[in-house]
């Protein structure tokens, strides 16, 4: 096998493994967050997860999250968009508004009111999972 074919094969395997890990993470998240066991996450279930995440990320216990506390969960542009008062922090109300906006973005059928595994595997669904789990 030539070097190009080997590199392509390795790259394809990594892409497949990364995709499989995302699906596994989404499946586990769905099970953990789906308190009514209907196979989907509704906004209330997402908000319940978000409330726990917010509390765990608020390491200085000031009732807000700054960019450092949200590292790896929200990029700079997302943080700026979620901070309407431009104070450099997100309070719980702002965080929940972000969760709701991201939840709605993940809905493949707008107004569907729940997210299934397929929706959680979408880019918007993966962004939501970073905020609620």
C-alpha atoms as a PDB file:
ATOM      1  CA  UNK A   1       0.000   0.000   0.000  1.00  0.00           C
ATOM      2  CA  UNK A   2       1.502   3.364  -0.961  1.00  0.00           C
ATOM      3  CA  UNK A   3       1.891   6.205   1.543  1.00  0.00           C
ATOM      4  CA  UNK A   4      -1.067   8.166   0.160  1.00  0.00           C
ATOM      5  CA  UNK A   5      -3.398   5.172   0.469  1.00  0.00           C
ATOM      6  CA  UNK A   6      -2.172   4.526   4.018  1.00  0.00           C
ATOM      7  CA  UNK A   7      -2.714   8.145   5.022  1.00  0.00           C
ATOM      8  CA  UNK A   8      -6.174   8.140   3.457  1.00  0.00           C
ATOM      9  CA  UNK A   9      -7.086   4.905   5.209  1.00  0.00           C
ATOM     10  CA  UNK A  10      -5.929   6.216   8.585  1.00  0.00           C
ATOM     11  CA  UNK A  11      -7.794   9.498   8.078  1.00  0.00           C
ATOM     12  CA  UNK A  12     -10.991   7.704   7.095  1.00  0.00           C
ATOM     13  CA  UNK A  13     -10.737   5.463  10.145  1.00  0.00           C
ATOM     14  CA  UNK A  14     -10.281   8.470  12.452  1.00  0.00           C
ATOM     15  CA  UNK A  15     -13.289  10.208  10.916  1.00  0.00           C
ATOM     16  CA  UNK A  16     -15.412   7.090  11.411  1.00  0.00           C
ATOM     17  CA  UNK A  17     -14.225   6.629  14.994  1.00  0.00           C
ATOM     18  CA  UNK A  18     -14.817  10.302  15.821  1.00  0.00           C
ATOM     19  CA  UNK A  19     -18.327  10.084  14.384  1.00  0.00           C
ATOM     20  CA  UNK A  20     -19.030   6.921  16.351  1.00  0.00           C
ATOM     21  CA  UNK A  21     -17.867   8.614  19.549  1.00  0.00           C
ATOM     22  CA  UNK A  22     -20.184  11.564  18.927  1.00  0.00           C
ATOM     23  CA  UNK A  23     -23.107   9.200  18.470  1.00  0.00           C
ATOM     24  CA  UNK A  24     -22.206   7.301  21.618  1.00  0.00           C
ATOM     25  CA  UNK A  25     -21.941  10.542  23.604  1.00  0.00           C
ATOM     26  CA  UNK A  26     -25.303  11.730  22.250  1.00  0.00           C
ATOM     27  CA  UNK A  27     -26.933   8.433  23.095  1.00  0.00           C
ATOM     28  CA  UNK A  28     -25.602   8.508  26.655  1.00  0.00           C
ATOM     29  CA  UNK A  29     -26.647  12.157  27.015  1.00  0.00           C
ATOM     30  CA  UNK A  30     -30.133  11.340  25.786  1.00  0.00           C
ATOM     31  CA  UNK A  31     -30.469   8.581  28.358  1.00  0.00           C
ATOM     32  CA  UNK A  32     -29.153  10.798  31.140  1.00  0.00           C
ATOM     33  CA  UNK A  33     -31.301  13.834  30.325  1.00  0.00           C
ATOM     34  CA  UNK A  34     -34.532  12.100  29.253  1.00  0.00           C
ATOM     35  CA  UNK A  35     -36.226  12.006  32.649  1.00  0.00           C
ATOM     36  CA  UNK A  36     -39.642  11.015  31.284  1.00  0.00           C
ATOM     37  CA  UNK A  37     -38.052   8.188  29.239  1.00  0.00           C
ATOM     38  CA  UNK A  38     -39.882   9.058  25.992  1.00  0.00           C
ATOM     39  CA  UNK A  39     -36.729   8.831  23.845  1.00  0.00           C
ATOM     40  CA  UNK A  40     -36.440  12.587  23.391  1.00  0.00           C
ATOM     41  CA  UNK A  41     -35.319  15.680  25.274  1.00  0.00           C
ATOM     42  CA  UNK A  42     -37.796  18.504  25.669  1.00  0.00           C
ATOM     43  CA  UNK A  43     -36.889  22.060  26.627  1.00  0.00           C
ATOM     44  CA  UNK A  44     -37.656  21.498  30.326  1.00  0.00           C
ATOM     45  CA  UNK A  45     -35.292  18.518  30.419  1.00  0.00           C
ATOM     46  CA  UNK A  46     -32.633  20.566  28.609  1.00  0.00           C
ATOM     47  CA  UNK A  47     -33.079  23.427  31.074  1.00  0.00           C
ATOM     48  CA  UNK A  48     -32.789  21.048  34.032  1.00  0.00           C
ATOM     49  CA  UNK A  49     -29.484  19.791  32.662  1.00  0.00           C
ATOM     50  CA  UNK A  50     -28.374  23.362  31.954  1.00  0.00           C
ATOM     51  CA  UNK A  51     -29.124  24.442  35.523  1.00  0.00           C
ATOM     52  CA  UNK A  52     -26.856  21.685  36.865  1.00  0.00           C
ATOM     53  CA  UNK A  53     -24.116  22.580  34.392  1.00  0.00           C
ATOM     54  CA  UNK A  54     -24.393  26.278  35.256  1.00  0.00           C
ATOM     55  CA  UNK A  55     -23.948  25.567  38.957  1.00  0.00           C
ATOM     56  CA  UNK A  56     -21.007  23.241  38.359  1.00  0.00           C
ATOM     57  CA  UNK A  57     -19.248  25.742  36.066  1.00  0.00           C
ATOM     58  CA  UNK A  58     -19.721  28.703  38.413  1.00  0.00           C
ATOM     59  CA  UNK A  59     -16.501  27.892  40.234  1.00  0.00           C
ATOM     60  CA  UNK A  60     -16.234  31.275  41.945  1.00  0.00           C
ATOM     61  CA  UNK A  61     -19.888  31.115  43.075  1.00  0.00           C
ATOM     62  CA  UNK A  62     -20.691  34.634  41.883  1.00  0.00           C
ATOM     63  CA  UNK A  63     -23.870  33.649  40.028  1.00  0.00           C
ATOM     64  CA  UNK A  64     -22.342  34.272  36.611  1.00  0.00           C
ATOM     65  CA  UNK A  65     -20.159  32.501  34.084  1.00  0.00           C
ATOM     66  CA  UNK A  66     -17.265  34.186  32.353  1.00  0.00           C
ATOM     67  CA  UNK A  67     -15.457  33.070  29.210  1.00  0.00           C
ATOM     68  CA  UNK A  68     -12.891  31.155  31.273  1.00  0.00           C
ATOM     69  CA  UNK A  69     -15.596  29.158  33.077  1.00  0.00           C
ATOM     70  CA  UNK A  70     -17.232  28.360  29.706  1.00  0.00           C
ATOM     71  CA  UNK A  71     -14.002  27.353  27.957  1.00  0.00           C
ATOM     72  CA  UNK A  72     -14.573  24.424  25.625  1.00  0.00           C
ATOM     73  CA  UNK A  73     -18.342  24.840  25.720  1.00  0.00           C
ATOM     74  CA  UNK A  74     -18.824  28.165  23.971  1.00  0.00           C
ATOM     75  CA  UNK A  75     -16.540  30.033  21.581  1.00  0.00           C
ATOM     76  CA  UNK A  76     -15.825  33.769  21.793  1.00  0.00           C
ATOM     77  CA  UNK A  77     -18.399  34.721  19.150  1.00  0.00           C
ATOM     78  CA  UNK A  78     -21.077  32.608  20.831  1.00  0.00           C
ATOM     79  CA  UNK A  79     -20.228  34.129  24.197  1.00  0.00           C
ATOM     80  CA  UNK A  80     -20.445  37.665  22.835  1.00  0.00           C
ATOM     81  CA  UNK A  81     -23.822  36.941  21.212  1.00  0.00           C
ATOM     82  CA  UNK A  82     -25.168  35.440  24.454  1.00  0.00           C
ATOM     83  CA  UNK A  83     -24.044  38.455  26.540  1.00  0.00           C
ATOM     84  CA  UNK A  84     -26.618  41.159  25.646  1.00  0.00           C
ATOM     85  CA  UNK A  85     -25.518  43.550  28.407  1.00  0.00           C
ATOM     86  CA  UNK A  86     -21.851  43.210  27.366  1.00  0.00           C
ATOM     87  CA  UNK A  87     -20.653  42.821  30.953  1.00  0.00           C
ATOM     88  CA  UNK A  88     -18.334  39.919  30.117  1.00  0.00           C
ATOM     89  CA  UNK A  89     -20.419  37.366  32.018  1.00  0.00           C
ATOM     90  CA  UNK A  90     -23.563  35.319  31.563  1.00  0.00           C
ATOM     91  CA  UNK A  91     -26.006  35.155  34.444  1.00  0.00           C
ATOM     92  CA  UNK A  92     -28.328  32.180  34.711  1.00  0.00           C
ATOM     93  CA  UNK A  93     -31.107  33.954  32.793  1.00  0.00           C
ATOM     94  CA  UNK A  94     -28.757  34.730  29.887  1.00  0.00           C
ATOM     95  CA  UNK A  95     -27.417  31.166  29.972  1.00  0.00           C
ATOM     96  CA  UNK A  96     -30.927  29.718  29.830  1.00  0.00           C
ATOM     97  CA  UNK A  97     -31.784  32.014  26.911  1.00  0.00           C
ATOM     98  CA  UNK A  98     -28.726  30.630  25.115  1.00  0.00           C
ATOM     99  CA  UNK A  99     -29.835  27.072  25.881  1.00  0.00           C
ATOM    100  CA  UNK A 100     -33.322  27.771  24.522  1.00  0.00           C
ATOM    101  CA  UNK A 101     -31.943  29.380  21.345  1.00  0.00           C
ATOM    102  CA  UNK A 102     -29.557  26.464  20.783  1.00  0.00           C
ATOM    103  CA  UNK A 103     -32.343  23.955  21.488  1.00  0.00           C
ATOM    104  CA  UNK A 104     -34.533  25.580  18.824  1.00  0.00           C
ATOM    105  CA  UNK A 105     -31.626  25.616  16.368  1.00  0.00           C
ATOM    106  CA  UNK A 106     -31.233  21.851  16.832  1.00  0.00           C
ATOM    107  CA  UNK A 107     -34.866  21.101  15.973  1.00  0.00           C
ATOM    108  CA  UNK A 108     -35.026  19.569  12.503  1.00  0.00           C
ATOM    109  CA  UNK A 109     -38.766  20.185  12.518  1.00  0.00           C
ATOM    110  CA  UNK A 110     -39.185  23.721  13.893  1.00  0.00           C
ATOM    111  CA  UNK A 111     -41.794  23.748  16.607  1.00  0.00           C
ATOM    112  CA  UNK A 112     -41.279  20.019  17.214  1.00  0.00           C
ATOM    113  CA  UNK A 113     -40.723  20.720  20.930  1.00  0.00           C
ATOM    114  CA  UNK A 114     -38.437  17.722  21.470  1.00  0.00           C
ATOM    115  CA  UNK A 115     -35.040  16.572  20.249  1.00  0.00           C
ATOM    116  CA  UNK A 116     -34.341  12.978  19.295  1.00  0.00           C
ATOM    117  CA  UNK A 117     -30.984  11.269  18.812  1.00  0.00           C
ATOM    118  CA  UNK A 118     -30.717  12.369  15.174  1.00  0.00           C
ATOM    119  CA  UNK A 119     -31.181  16.002  16.192  1.00  0.00           C
ATOM    120  CA  UNK A 120     -28.681  15.667  19.050  1.00  0.00           C
ATOM    121  CA  UNK A 121     -26.124  14.374  16.544  1.00  0.00           C
ATOM    122  CA  UNK A 122     -26.480  17.517  14.399  1.00  0.00           C
ATOM    123  CA  UNK A 123     -23.959  20.345  14.856  1.00  0.00           C
ATOM    124  CA  UNK A 124     -26.551  22.404  16.748  1.00  0.00           C
ATOM    125  CA  UNK A 125     -27.442  19.359  18.863  1.00  0.00           C
ATOM    126  CA  UNK A 126     -23.790  18.841  19.743  1.00  0.00           C
ATOM    127  CA  UNK A 127     -23.515  22.531  20.696  1.00  0.00           C
ATOM    128  CA  UNK A 128     -26.571  22.112  22.923  1.00  0.00           C
ATOM    129  CA  UNK A 129     -25.092  19.069  24.640  1.00  0.00           C
ATOM    130  CA  UNK A 130     -22.019  21.129  25.568  1.00  0.00           C
ATOM    131  CA  UNK A 131     -24.349  23.512  27.406  1.00  0.00           C
ATOM    132  CA  UNK A 132     -26.598  20.996  29.144  1.00  0.00           C
ATOM    133  CA  UNK A 133     -24.374  18.060  30.040  1.00  0.00           C
END
